[in-house]
Amino acid sequence: MPRLDGRAARGWLPRLNDRAGEGSLLLDHSRRRHLAILVTVLIVSVFGFVLLQPRKVRVEADGRDVTLSTHLANNAAVLAGIGVRVAPGDRVTALDGGSGIDVLKVERAHDVTLRADGLTYHLHTHALTIDQLLAEASIAVGDRDSVLQDGALVSLNAPVEPPQLFASRTALDSARPLAGAVVIDVRRAVPFTVDEDGHEIVSSSSRPTVAQALREAGLTVGPGDRVTPDLQAPLVTDTRIELLHAKAVTVTLPNDHQVIYTFERTVGDALRSANIALPAGAFTEPPLETAVSPGMSVRVVQLSASRSVEREYVANRTVYKVDPNLAPGETRAVAGHDGVRVRRYDVAYVNGHEVSRTLLDESYDPPPVDTIVFYPPQRGAGDAPGSLQVARTLNVYATWYNAASSGRSSSDPAYGHTATGAIVTYGIVAVDPTVIPLGTKMFIPGYGYAVAADTGGAVKGYIIDLGYPDGVTVDWRSKWLDIYILS
């Protein structure tokens, strides 16, 4: 290395210092440049991290609700990414769903074919109701005009199917509806005249047939009514309709009734036109020549007669007669028998129901024969005859009775029979056997001869019951008296 002298050394040192300063400046500049690069990279990294975070999107379209995460910022790209196609006229609305979620709502526009006044309009619309659709298409509808959707009658506030809002229209020459489009038809009302039984009515209707137009006008077509033209004929401008109402007639037959509807003038003509034949001997109320009126009733009357025979059972009676040959207490019966009463009637019928019967004659076959019970005559006396022996005298309380007072029914086989089997009649006396033994003969003043042949629940001690036959007047008064017991 060459040696430097002092002067040379002094010249070299300043240059060395200058070079050192330049190096230091270069070093500072490089550092700053590196720092700037680092800061830039850091900022880009932070922004890139923030910008590259996926967004949450909820898509509402075609009845579906789909939520997804995406890095796409373009809404159209988001919809295309999940297969939702947006056609011209469709509306996409971006909404804030909260919680960092974006909402994309797709509202479809729909094709509607509108036909009115001879023109056809193809609408791409969002209208919700029929009246909104017609207003947007500037189509006015009168009170009697009709609106049909896909051939069905609808009201103006009915929804457009499918639902929709806003419209644009183009009048086309072609009347053919778009494929898949809702078809709306506006049918205009036309005037027509009705002659109802000679009374003229002027009205209007947009209904397609005569029947529907009459119904809308409040006119009823009943069974049997005549309508010209036919009810199913089309209703056109200035159609004239003749409506004739048939008269309803209720016909009551012997075994049935029916309602007929007729234009005939008389009852007879109405029955003949309805093929109702009168039975032999029948007549009508009112008569056949009566004029027919609406709502009238006609009764067919059939008279008939027959002879009726009635048989009635007649029970024989029991009668009592005196036989002077009988001893006191004895009876004799002659049995009779029951009979049958026969009555013959003429019976009149109306429509099979009996209305009267007339008695022709009455007879018995066989006639009833009374049963006769003979009893001895009553022999009242103040004292016992001297020819009879009196064993003793007894003071008793004497009452009376007959078969009817026994409490038994006359149909009872035991009716009128005493405890000993004898028939209750004159001369039979009921006693208390402990006081007067059965079979004892006695004489009772004011009554006559008698025999103790019966007992009774109320006949106790010194009480006796004097027998009388049914049907005779009893003149005995209950009392205490002396009776004679015969030996």
Foldseek 3Di string as FASTA:
>chain_A
DDDDDPVVVVVVVVVVVVVVVVVVVVVVVVVVVVVVVVVVVVVCVVVCVVLQFWAWEWEAPPNDTDIDTGSDPDPVVVCVVVPNDDDPPWDWDWDDPPPRYIYIYIHAFAWEWEDEPRWIKTKRFFAFWQLQVCVLVVHDADPQKFKDKVRHTDDRGHTDVVHGHHIDIDIDPDNDGDPPHIYMYIFHKAWEWEQEVNDIDIDIHRDFFQLVVCVVVVHDQDPPKDKPPDRGHTDDHHYYIYIYFFAWEWEAELVGIDIDTHPDFWQLVRCVVVVNDAPPQKAKVVGRRHTDDHPYYIYIKHKDKDKDKDKDKFFAAEEEEEDQPDDFADKDKDDWGIWIKMWMWMWMDISRHTDDIHTDDIDIDPHTDHMYMYHHDWDADPDDDPVFAFPDKDKAWEAADFQVVPPDDPPDPCGQAAPQRDGFAQQEKAADCVAPNFQWWWADHPGGTHGDHHYDPVHDDRYMYGGHYPPDDDPDDTDIDMITTTD
